[in-house]
Amino acid sequence: MRTFIAINFGEELRERLSCFNGPPVKGVKWVEKENLHLTLVFLGEAVTEANLKAVKDAMRCFAGFRSFELTVSNTGAFPDFGRPRVLWAGIEKGREELSGMYAVLRGKLFKAGFMFEDRFSPHVTLGRVGKKPDNNLIYRFRRHSFAAGEMIGRVDLMESFSGPSGPAYRTLYSEELG
């Protein structure tokens, strides 16, 4: 099962983040509004029915964290705007809380035997860029500011699977923040 641990957003924030989703644009595939989230840890195929309990146990660490405000503002691109492959929205308020949550979760998952890429850069992936994107769109995206946010009070273990119109996600487990 292909899994990740994420913060899912409410309707209002997803609506604000999907403002570039419209008619198809040359060279950019936007993430569907209902799939917008912030990934804390991507576990890939590492989670099985046999070790699912260990992931849930590790996620109980979130009870030690308080709800917090998360705000999204700036935009960015991986690797950079000169040759973008991924377009993202950056986190302004809530970075410290997210980094703390990631550090504690990472330690719990490593102790449970899970291996994953050990880097964390809080962002929300909004689109994937193909060959020869519309430079006008990239310019407008780069200058955009979302200035949106919401209170975060829950973290979810998500399963990713192929749906009829692309990736689809299902919540396997949720842990409330303390």
N, C-alpha and C. Protein backbone atom coordinates (compact mmCIF):
# COMPACT_ATOMS: atom_id res chain seq x y z
N MET A 1 0.85 -1.17 0.00
CA MET A 1 0.00 0.00 0.00
C MET A 1 0.89 1.23 0.00
N ARG A 2 0.60 2.20 -0.84
CA ARG A 2 1.39 3.43 -1.00
C ARG A 2 0.83 4.47 -0.03
N THR A 3 1.64 4.90 0.94
CA THR A 3 1.12 5.74 2.02
C THR A 3 1.99 6.96 2.30
N PHE A 4 1.36 7.92 2.96
CA PHE A 4 2.07 9.10 3.43
C PHE A 4 1.29 9.66 4.63
N ILE A 5 1.99 10.42 5.46
CA ILE A 5 1.37 11.06 6.62
C ILE A 5 1.27 12.54 6.29
N ALA A 6 0.05 13.08 6.41
CA ALA A 6 -0.20 14.41 5.88
C ALA A 6 -1.14 15.23 6.75
N ILE A 7 -1.13 16.52 6.46
CA ILE A 7 -2.12 17.44 6.99
C ILE A 7 -3.05 17.78 5.83
N ASN A 8 -4.30 17.42 6.00
CA ASN A 8 -5.31 17.74 4.99
C ASN A 8 -5.96 19.06 5.35
N PHE A 9 -6.35 19.81 4.35
CA PHE A 9 -6.90 21.14 4.56
C PHE A 9 -8.41 21.16 4.42
N GLY A 10 -9.01 22.17 5.03
CA GLY A 10 -10.44 22.40 4.90
C GLY A 10 -10.77 22.97 3.52
N GLU A 11 -12.04 23.04 3.24
CA GLU A 11 -12.52 23.48 1.92
C GLU A 11 -12.06 24.89 1.56
N GLU A 12 -12.12 25.81 2.51
CA GLU A 12 -11.77 27.21 2.20
C GLU A 12 -10.31 27.35 1.77
N LEU A 13 -9.39 26.72 2.51
CA LEU A 13 -7.98 26.82 2.15
C LEU A 13 -7.70 26.10 0.83
N ARG A 14 -8.30 24.94 0.63
CA ARG A 14 -8.12 24.23 -0.65
C ARG A 14 -8.62 25.09 -1.81
N GLU A 15 -9.73 25.78 -1.60
CA GLU A 15 -10.27 26.66 -2.65
C GLU A 15 -9.27 27.76 -2.99
N ARG A 16 -8.68 28.38 -1.97
CA ARG A 16 -7.70 29.45 -2.20
C ARG A 16 -6.45 28.92 -2.90
N LEU A 17 -6.01 27.72 -2.50
CA LEU A 17 -4.80 27.15 -3.09
C LEU A 17 -5.01 26.67 -4.53
N SER A 18 -6.24 26.43 -4.91
CA SER A 18 -6.50 25.91 -6.26
C SER A 18 -6.85 27.02 -7.24
N CYS A 19 -6.53 28.26 -6.91
CA CYS A 19 -6.92 29.39 -7.77
C CYS A 19 -6.31 29.33 -9.16
N PHE A 20 -5.23 28.60 -9.36
CA PHE A 20 -4.65 28.47 -10.69
C PHE A 20 -5.28 27.33 -11.47
N ASN A 21 -6.01 26.45 -10.78
CA ASN A 21 -6.69 25.34 -11.47
C ASN A 21 -7.81 25.92 -12.31
N GLY A 22 -7.73 25.74 -13.55
CA GLY A 22 -8.77 26.22 -14.46
C GLY A 22 -8.71 25.37 -15.70
N PRO A 23 -8.95 25.98 -16.83
CA PRO A 23 -8.81 25.22 -18.07
C PRO A 23 -7.38 24.68 -18.18
N PRO A 24 -7.18 23.55 -18.84
CA PRO A 24 -5.82 23.00 -18.98
C PRO A 24 -4.86 24.05 -19.54
N VAL A 25 -3.65 24.05 -18.99
CA VAL A 25 -2.62 25.00 -19.40
C VAL A 25 -1.44 24.21 -19.94
N LYS A 26 -0.89 24.69 -21.03
CA LYS A 26 0.24 24.01 -21.65
C LYS A 26 1.38 23.81 -20.65
N GLY A 27 1.77 22.56 -20.47
CA GLY A 27 2.95 22.24 -19.69
C GLY A 27 2.79 22.16 -18.19
N VAL A 28 1.57 22.35 -17.65
CA VAL A 28 1.39 22.26 -16.19
C VAL A 28 0.19 21.37 -15.88
N LYS A 29 0.41 20.41 -14.97
CA LYS A 29 -0.67 19.54 -14.48
C LYS A 29 -0.91 19.94 -13.04
N TRP A 30 -2.05 20.59 -12.78
CA TRP A 30 -2.37 21.05 -11.43
C TRP A 30 -2.90 19.90 -10.58
N VAL A 31 -2.58 19.94 -9.29
CA VAL A 31 -3.12 18.97 -8.33
C VAL A 31 -4.61 19.29 -8.16
N GLU A 32 -5.44 18.25 -8.20
CA GLU A 32 -6.88 18.45 -8.01
C GLU A 32 -7.14 19.06 -6.63
N LYS A 33 -8.12 19.96 -6.56
CA LYS A 33 -8.42 20.68 -5.32
C LYS A 33 -8.60 19.72 -4.13
N GLU A 34 -9.34 18.64 -4.32
CA GLU A 34 -9.61 17.73 -3.20
C GLU A 34 -8.37 16.96 -2.75
N ASN A 35 -7.29 16.99 -3.54
CA ASN A 35 -6.06 16.27 -3.18
C ASN A 35 -4.99 17.17 -2.56
N LEU A 36 -5.26 18.45 -2.39
CA LEU A 36 -4.26 19.36 -1.83
C LEU A 36 -4.03 19.05 -0.35
N HIS A 37 -2.77 18.92 0.03
CA HIS A 37 -2.39 18.57 1.40
C HIS A 37 -0.93 18.94 1.62
N LEU A 38 -0.47 18.82 2.85
CA LEU A 38 0.94 19.00 3.17
C LEU A 38 1.47 17.66 3.66
N THR A 39 2.46 17.12 2.99
CA THR A 39 3.03 15.83 3.38
C THR A 39 4.07 16.03 4.47
N LEU A 40 3.89 15.34 5.60
CA LEU A 40 4.92 15.33 6.64
C LEU A 40 5.96 14.27 6.33
N VAL A 41 5.51 13.06 6.01
CA VAL A 41 6.41 11.94 5.69
C VAL A 41 5.80 11.11 4.58
N PHE A 42 6.58 10.84 3.54
CA PHE A 42 6.15 9.93 2.49
C PHE A 42 6.75 8.56 2.79
N LEU A 43 5.90 7.58 3.03
CA LEU A 43 6.36 6.23 3.37
C LEU A 43 6.39 5.29 2.17
N GLY A 44 5.75 5.68 1.09
CA GLY A 44 5.74 4.84 -0.10
C GLY A 44 5.08 3.50 0.16
N GLU A 45 5.73 2.45 -0.31
CA GLU A 45 5.19 1.09 -0.18
C GLU A 45 5.61 0.41 1.12
N ALA A 46 6.24 1.14 2.04
CA ALA A 46 6.78 0.54 3.27
C ALA A 46 5.70 0.04 4.23
N VAL A 47 4.51 0.61 4.18
CA VAL A 47 3.45 0.23 5.12
C VAL A 47 2.67 -0.96 4.56
N THR A 48 2.54 -1.98 5.41
CA THR A 48 1.77 -3.18 5.06
C THR A 48 0.72 -3.40 6.14
N GLU A 49 -0.16 -4.33 5.91
CA GLU A 49 -1.14 -4.68 6.95
C GLU A 49 -0.42 -5.11 8.23
N ALA A 50 0.73 -5.77 8.08
CA ALA A 50 1.47 -6.29 9.23
C ALA A 50 2.09 -5.19 10.09
N ASN A 51 2.52 -4.08 9.50
CA ASN A 51 3.18 -3.04 10.29
C ASN A 51 2.36 -1.75 10.41
N LEU A 52 1.12 -1.79 9.98
CA LEU A 52 0.24 -0.62 10.07
C LEU A 52 0.08 -0.14 11.51
N LYS A 53 0.00 -1.07 12.45
CA LYS A 53 -0.15 -0.70 13.87
C LYS A 53 1.06 0.12 14.35
N ALA A 54 2.26 -0.22 13.87
CA ALA A 54 3.46 0.52 14.28
C ALA A 54 3.38 1.98 13.81
N VAL A 55 2.82 2.21 12.63
CA VAL A 55 2.66 3.58 12.12
C VAL A 55 1.65 4.33 12.98
N LYS A 56 0.54 3.68 13.28
CA LYS A 56 -0.48 4.32 14.13
C LYS A 56 0.09 4.64 15.50
N ASP A 57 0.88 3.72 16.06
CA ASP A 57 1.51 3.97 17.36
C ASP A 57 2.45 5.18 17.29
N ALA A 58 3.23 5.28 16.21
CA ALA A 58 4.14 6.42 16.04
C ALA A 58 3.35 7.72 15.94
N MET A 59 2.22 7.67 15.26
CA MET A 59 1.41 8.88 15.09
C MET A 59 0.77 9.35 16.38
N ARG A 60 0.74 8.53 17.40
CA ARG A 60 0.17 8.96 18.68
C ARG A 60 1.01 10.07 19.31
N CYS A 61 2.23 10.26 18.81
CA CYS A 61 3.07 11.36 19.31
C CYS A 61 2.41 12.71 19.08
N PHE A 62 1.50 12.80 18.10
CA PHE A 62 0.86 14.08 17.79
C PHE A 62 -0.05 14.57 18.91
N ALA A 63 -0.46 13.68 19.80
CA ALA A 63 -1.29 14.09 20.93
C ALA A 63 -0.52 15.06 21.84
N GLY A 64 0.81 15.04 21.75
CA GLY A 64 1.65 15.93 22.54
C GLY A 64 1.84 17.31 21.92
N PHE A 65 1.25 17.54 20.77
CA PHE A 65 1.34 18.84 20.09
C PHE A 65 0.00 19.54 20.14
N ARG A 66 0.03 20.85 20.30
CA ARG A 66 -1.21 21.63 20.33
C ARG A 66 -1.61 22.02 18.91
N SER A 67 -2.91 22.26 18.74
CA SER A 67 -3.39 22.81 17.47
C SER A 67 -2.65 24.11 17.20
N PHE A 68 -2.47 24.44 15.93
CA PHE A 68 -1.73 25.65 15.59
C PHE A 68 -2.26 26.25 14.30
N GLU A 69 -1.93 27.52 14.11
CA GLU A 69 -2.34 28.19 12.88
C GLU A 69 -1.27 27.99 11.82
N LEU A 70 -1.71 27.62 10.64
CA LEU A 70 -0.84 27.45 9.49
C LEU A 70 -1.25 28.49 8.44
N THR A 71 -0.28 29.24 7.94
CA THR A 71 -0.59 30.17 6.86
C THR A 71 0.29 29.87 5.65
N VAL A 72 -0.29 30.03 4.49
CA VAL A 72 0.38 29.80 3.22
C VAL A 72 0.50 31.17 2.56
N SER A 73 1.69 31.48 2.05
CA SER A 73 1.81 32.80 1.42
C SER A 73 2.57 32.73 0.10
N ASN A 74 3.88 32.57 0.16
CA ASN A 74 4.71 32.69 -1.04
C ASN A 74 4.60 31.47 -1.96
N THR A 75 5.17 31.61 -3.14
CA THR A 75 5.22 30.49 -4.09
C THR A 75 6.68 30.13 -4.34
N GLY A 76 6.88 28.94 -4.85
CA GLY A 76 8.22 28.50 -5.18
C GLY A 76 8.17 27.39 -6.20
N ALA A 77 9.35 26.93 -6.59
CA ALA A 77 9.45 25.86 -7.58
C ALA A 77 10.65 24.99 -7.23
N PHE A 78 10.51 23.70 -7.47
CA PHE A 78 11.64 22.77 -7.36
C PHE A 78 12.05 22.39 -8.77
N PRO A 79 13.30 22.37 -9.15
CA PRO A 79 14.42 22.81 -8.33
C PRO A 79 14.49 24.33 -8.19
N ASP A 80 14.00 25.08 -9.19
CA ASP A 80 13.95 26.54 -9.10
C ASP A 80 13.06 27.06 -10.23
N PHE A 81 12.80 28.36 -10.24
CA PHE A 81 11.93 28.93 -11.28
C PHE A 81 12.59 28.95 -12.66
N GLY A 82 13.91 28.82 -12.71
CA GLY A 82 14.60 28.78 -14.00
C GLY A 82 14.28 27.53 -14.79
N ARG A 83 14.08 26.44 -14.11
CA ARG A 83 13.72 25.16 -14.74
C ARG A 83 12.76 24.41 -13.81
N PRO A 84 11.56 24.94 -13.67
CA PRO A 84 10.61 24.37 -12.70
C PRO A 84 10.11 22.98 -13.10
N ARG A 85 10.00 22.11 -12.11
CA ARG A 85 9.39 20.79 -12.29
C ARG A 85 8.17 20.65 -11.39
N VAL A 86 8.24 21.30 -10.22
CA VAL A 86 7.14 21.28 -9.25
C VAL A 86 6.87 22.72 -8.82
N LEU A 87 5.60 23.12 -8.84
CA LEU A 87 5.20 24.44 -8.35
C LEU A 87 4.54 24.26 -6.99
N TRP A 88 4.93 25.08 -6.01
CA TRP A 88 4.43 24.89 -4.66
C TRP A 88 4.09 26.21 -3.97
N ALA A 89 3.31 26.07 -2.90
CA ALA A 89 3.00 27.19 -2.01
C ALA A 89 3.77 26.97 -0.72
N GLY A 90 4.41 28.03 -0.24
CA GLY A 90 5.23 27.92 0.96
C GLY A 90 4.45 28.20 2.23
N ILE A 91 4.93 27.65 3.31
CA ILE A 91 4.31 27.83 4.63
C ILE A 91 5.01 29.00 5.32
N GLU A 92 4.23 29.94 5.80
CA GLU A 92 4.79 31.08 6.52
C GLU A 92 4.66 30.82 8.02
N LYS A 93 3.45 30.85 8.54
CA LYS A 93 3.22 30.61 9.96
C LYS A 93 2.95 29.11 10.15
N GLY A 94 3.59 28.53 11.17
CA GLY A 94 3.41 27.11 11.45
C GLY A 94 4.62 26.26 11.08
N ARG A 95 5.67 26.88 10.52
CA ARG A 95 6.87 26.13 10.12
C ARG A 95 7.53 25.45 11.32
N GLU A 96 7.64 26.18 12.43
CA GLU A 96 8.30 25.61 13.61
C GLU A 96 7.51 24.41 14.14
N GLU A 97 6.19 24.55 14.20
CA GLU A 97 5.36 23.44 14.68
C GLU A 97 5.50 22.23 13.75
N LEU A 98 5.47 22.47 12.46
CA LEU A 98 5.61 21.37 11.49
C LEU A 98 6.96 20.68 11.61
N SER A 99 8.02 21.47 11.76
CA SER A 99 9.36 20.90 11.89
C SER A 99 9.48 20.08 13.17
N GLY A 100 8.89 20.56 14.26
CA GLY A 100 8.90 19.81 15.51
C GLY A 100 8.13 18.51 15.39
N MET A 101 6.97 18.57 14.75
CA MET A 101 6.17 17.35 14.55
C MET A 101 6.93 16.35 13.69
N TYR A 102 7.56 16.84 12.64
CA TYR A 102 8.33 15.96 11.75
C TYR A 102 9.47 15.29 12.52
N ALA A 103 10.21 16.06 13.32
CA ALA A 103 11.36 15.51 14.05
C ALA A 103 10.94 14.40 15.01
N VAL A 104 9.86 14.61 15.75
CA VAL A 104 9.40 13.59 16.70
C VAL A 104 8.88 12.36 15.95
N LEU A 105 8.08 12.59 14.92
CA LEU A 105 7.54 11.47 14.13
C LEU A 105 8.66 10.68 13.48
N ARG A 106 9.64 11.38 12.91
CA ARG A 106 10.78 10.71 12.27
C ARG A 106 11.47 9.76 13.25
N GLY A 107 11.73 10.24 14.46
CA GLY A 107 12.37 9.40 15.47
C GLY A 107 11.55 8.16 15.79
N LYS A 108 10.25 8.33 15.96
CA LYS A 108 9.37 7.19 16.28
C LYS A 108 9.35 6.18 15.12
N LEU A 109 9.27 6.68 13.89
CA LEU A 109 9.21 5.77 12.74
C LEU A 109 10.54 5.05 12.52
N PHE A 110 11.67 5.75 12.71
CA PHE A 110 12.97 5.09 12.59
C PHE A 110 13.10 3.98 13.63
N LYS A 111 12.67 4.26 14.87
CA LYS A 111 12.71 3.23 15.92
C LYS A 111 11.87 2.02 15.56
N ALA A 112 10.78 2.25 14.83
CA ALA A 112 9.89 1.16 14.42
C ALA A 112 10.41 0.45 13.17
N GLY A 113 11.55 0.90 12.63
CA GLY A 113 12.15 0.22 11.49
C GLY A 113 11.83 0.80 10.12
N PHE A 114 11.18 1.95 10.07
CA PHE A 114 10.85 2.55 8.77
C PHE A 114 12.00 3.42 8.29
N MET A 115 12.27 3.33 7.01
CA MET A 115 13.31 4.14 6.38
C MET A 115 12.63 5.01 5.33
N PHE A 116 13.00 6.27 5.29
CA PHE A 116 12.46 7.18 4.29
C PHE A 116 13.42 8.34 4.14
N GLU A 117 13.21 9.13 3.11
CA GLU A 117 14.06 10.28 2.84
C GLU A 117 14.03 11.22 4.04
N ASP A 118 15.20 11.53 4.57
CA ASP A 118 15.27 12.33 5.79
C ASP A 118 15.50 13.81 5.47
N ARG A 119 14.50 14.42 4.87
CA ARG A 119 14.54 15.87 4.67
C ARG A 119 13.11 16.37 4.72
N PHE A 120 12.97 17.58 5.20
CA PHE A 120 11.62 18.12 5.33
C PHE A 120 11.65 19.60 4.98
N SER A 121 10.87 19.96 4.00
CA SER A 121 10.73 21.34 3.56
C SER A 121 9.23 21.61 3.45
N PRO A 122 8.63 22.22 4.47
CA PRO A 122 7.17 22.39 4.48
C PRO A 122 6.65 23.19 3.29
N HIS A 123 5.83 22.55 2.48
CA HIS A 123 5.24 23.18 1.30
C HIS A 123 4.01 22.39 0.88
N VAL A 124 3.23 22.98 0.00
CA VAL A 124 2.07 22.31 -0.58
C VAL A 124 2.29 22.24 -2.08
N THR A 125 2.43 21.04 -2.61
CA THR A 125 2.60 20.88 -4.06
C THR A 125 1.29 21.26 -4.75
N LEU A 126 1.39 22.19 -5.69
CA LEU A 126 0.20 22.66 -6.41
C LEU A 126 0.16 22.18 -7.86
N GLY A 127 1.33 21.97 -8.45
CA GLY A 127 1.35 21.55 -9.85
C GLY A 127 2.67 20.93 -10.24
N ARG A 128 2.63 20.13 -11.30
CA ARG A 128 3.83 19.51 -11.86
C ARG A 128 4.01 20.07 -13.26
N VAL A 129 5.25 20.42 -13.56
CA VAL A 129 5.55 21.09 -14.82
C VAL A 129 6.17 20.10 -15.80
N GLY A 130 5.64 20.09 -17.01
CA GLY A 130 6.18 19.26 -18.07
C GLY A 130 7.13 20.07 -18.93
N LYS A 131 7.27 19.64 -20.18
CA LYS A 131 8.15 20.33 -21.11
C LYS A 131 7.48 21.59 -21.64
N LYS A 132 8.28 22.61 -21.85
CA LYS A 132 7.83 23.87 -22.44
C LYS A 132 6.56 24.44 -21.80
N PRO A 133 6.63 24.77 -20.51
CA PRO A 133 5.44 25.35 -19.87
C PRO A 133 5.17 26.76 -20.38
N ASP A 134 3.98 27.23 -20.14
CA ASP A 134 3.58 28.59 -20.49
C ASP A 134 4.35 29.55 -19.57
N ASN A 135 5.32 30.26 -20.12
CA ASN A 135 6.16 31.15 -19.31
C ASN A 135 5.37 32.28 -18.67
N ASN A 136 4.31 32.71 -19.32
CA ASN A 136 3.44 33.74 -18.76
C ASN A 136 2.80 33.25 -17.46
N LEU A 137 2.33 32.00 -17.48
CA LEU A 137 1.73 31.41 -16.28
C LEU A 137 2.76 31.28 -15.17
N ILE A 138 3.96 30.81 -15.50
CA ILE A 138 5.02 30.66 -14.49
C ILE A 138 5.33 32.03 -13.88
N TYR A 139 5.39 33.06 -14.68
CA TYR A 139 5.65 34.41 -14.18
C TYR A 139 4.54 34.85 -13.22
N ARG A 140 3.29 34.66 -13.62
CA ARG A 140 2.16 35.05 -12.75
C ARG A 140 2.17 34.24 -11.46
N PHE A 141 2.47 32.95 -11.55
CA PHE A 141 2.52 32.09 -10.36
C PHE A 141 3.61 32.59 -9.41
N ARG A 142 4.77 32.90 -9.95
CA ARG A 142 5.91 33.34 -9.14
C ARG A 142 5.58 34.61 -8.36
N ARG A 143 4.78 35.48 -8.91
CA ARG A 143 4.45 36.75 -8.28
C ARG A 143 3.22 36.67 -7.37
N HIS A 144 2.57 35.52 -7.33
CA HIS A 144 1.32 35.38 -6.57
C HIS A 144 1.60 35.19 -5.08
N SER A 145 0.72 35.72 -4.26
CA SER A 145 0.76 35.48 -2.81
C SER A 145 -0.61 34.97 -2.39
N PHE A 146 -0.62 33.86 -1.67
CA PHE A 146 -1.90 33.26 -1.29
C PHE A 146 -2.52 33.93 -0.07
N ALA A 147 -1.71 34.31 0.91
CA ALA A 147 -2.20 34.97 2.12
C ALA A 147 -3.46 34.29 2.66
N ALA A 148 -3.33 32.99 2.93
CA ALA A 148 -4.47 32.21 3.42
C ALA A 148 -3.98 31.26 4.51
N GLY A 149 -4.90 30.82 5.35
CA GLY A 149 -4.50 29.89 6.40
C GLY A 149 -5.69 29.29 7.11
N GLU A 150 -5.37 28.42 8.07
CA GLU A 150 -6.41 27.80 8.90
C GLU A 150 -5.76 27.17 10.12
N MET A 151 -6.58 26.81 11.08
CA MET A 151 -6.11 26.10 12.27
C MET A 151 -5.93 24.62 11.92
N ILE A 152 -4.82 24.06 12.38
CA ILE A 152 -4.52 22.65 12.13
C ILE A 152 -4.71 21.90 13.44
N GLY A 153 -5.52 20.86 13.41
CA GLY A 153 -5.81 20.10 14.62
C GLY A 153 -5.76 18.59 14.44
N ARG A 154 -5.32 18.14 13.25
CA ARG A 154 -5.34 16.69 12.99
C ARG A 154 -4.28 16.34 11.95
N VAL A 155 -3.74 15.13 12.07
CA VAL A 155 -2.79 14.59 11.09
C VAL A 155 -3.35 13.25 10.63
N ASP A 156 -3.22 12.97 9.33
CA ASP A 156 -3.82 11.77 8.75
C ASP A 156 -2.78 10.86 8.09
N LEU A 157 -3.00 9.57 8.23
CA LEU A 157 -2.27 8.57 7.46
C LEU A 157 -3.10 8.33 6.21
N MET A 158 -2.51 8.57 5.05
CA MET A 158 -3.23 8.51 3.79
C MET A 158 -2.71 7.38 2.92
N GLU A 159 -3.62 6.80 2.15
CA GLU A 159 -3.24 5.83 1.13
C GLU A 159 -3.49 6.47 -0.23
N SER A 160 -2.53 6.31 -1.11
CA SER A 160 -2.65 6.83 -2.48
C SER A 160 -2.91 5.66 -3.42
N PHE A 161 -3.84 5.86 -4.33
CA PHE A 161 -4.12 4.81 -5.33
C PHE A 161 -4.54 5.49 -6.63
N SER A 162 -4.51 4.73 -7.70
CA SER A 162 -4.89 5.28 -9.00
C SER A 162 -6.40 5.28 -9.14
N GLY A 163 -6.94 6.46 -9.38
CA GLY A 163 -8.37 6.61 -9.64
C GLY A 163 -8.60 6.80 -11.12
N PRO A 164 -9.84 6.90 -11.54
CA PRO A 164 -10.14 7.05 -12.97
C PRO A 164 -9.57 8.32 -13.59
N SER A 165 -9.43 9.39 -12.79
CA SER A 165 -8.91 10.63 -13.36
C SER A 165 -7.57 11.04 -12.74
N GLY A 166 -6.80 10.07 -12.28
CA GLY A 166 -5.50 10.36 -11.68
C GLY A 166 -5.42 9.86 -10.26
N PRO A 167 -4.43 10.35 -9.50
CA PRO A 167 -4.26 9.88 -8.12
C PRO A 167 -5.47 10.23 -7.25
N ALA A 168 -5.80 9.31 -6.36
CA ALA A 168 -6.87 9.53 -5.38
C ALA A 168 -6.33 9.11 -4.03
N TYR A 169 -6.87 9.70 -2.97
CA TYR A 169 -6.39 9.44 -1.61
C TYR A 169 -7.52 8.98 -0.72
N ARG A 170 -7.15 8.13 0.24
CA ARG A 170 -8.10 7.63 1.23
C ARG A 170 -7.43 7.73 2.60
N THR A 171 -8.18 8.22 3.59
CA THR A 171 -7.66 8.32 4.96
C THR A 171 -7.75 6.96 5.63
N LEU A 172 -6.60 6.47 6.13
CA LEU A 172 -6.55 5.18 6.82
C LEU A 172 -6.65 5.35 8.33
N TYR A 173 -6.14 6.48 8.84
CA TYR A 173 -6.09 6.70 10.28
C TYR A 173 -5.88 8.19 10.53
N SER A 174 -6.46 8.71 11.58
CA SER A 174 -6.28 10.12 11.95
C SER A 174 -5.90 10.22 13.42
N GLU A 175 -5.06 11.19 13.72
CA GLU A 175 -4.66 11.46 15.10
C GLU A 175 -4.87 12.95 15.36
N GLU A 176 -5.64 13.25 16.39
CA GLU A 176 -5.91 14.65 16.76
C GLU A 176 -4.70 15.22 17.50
N LEU A 177 -4.45 16.50 17.30
CA LEU A 177 -3.43 17.18 18.09
C LEU A 177 -4.01 17.45 19.47
N GLY A 178 -3.12 17.52 20.47
CA GLY A 178 -3.56 17.69 21.86
C GLY A 178 -4.14 19.04 22.15
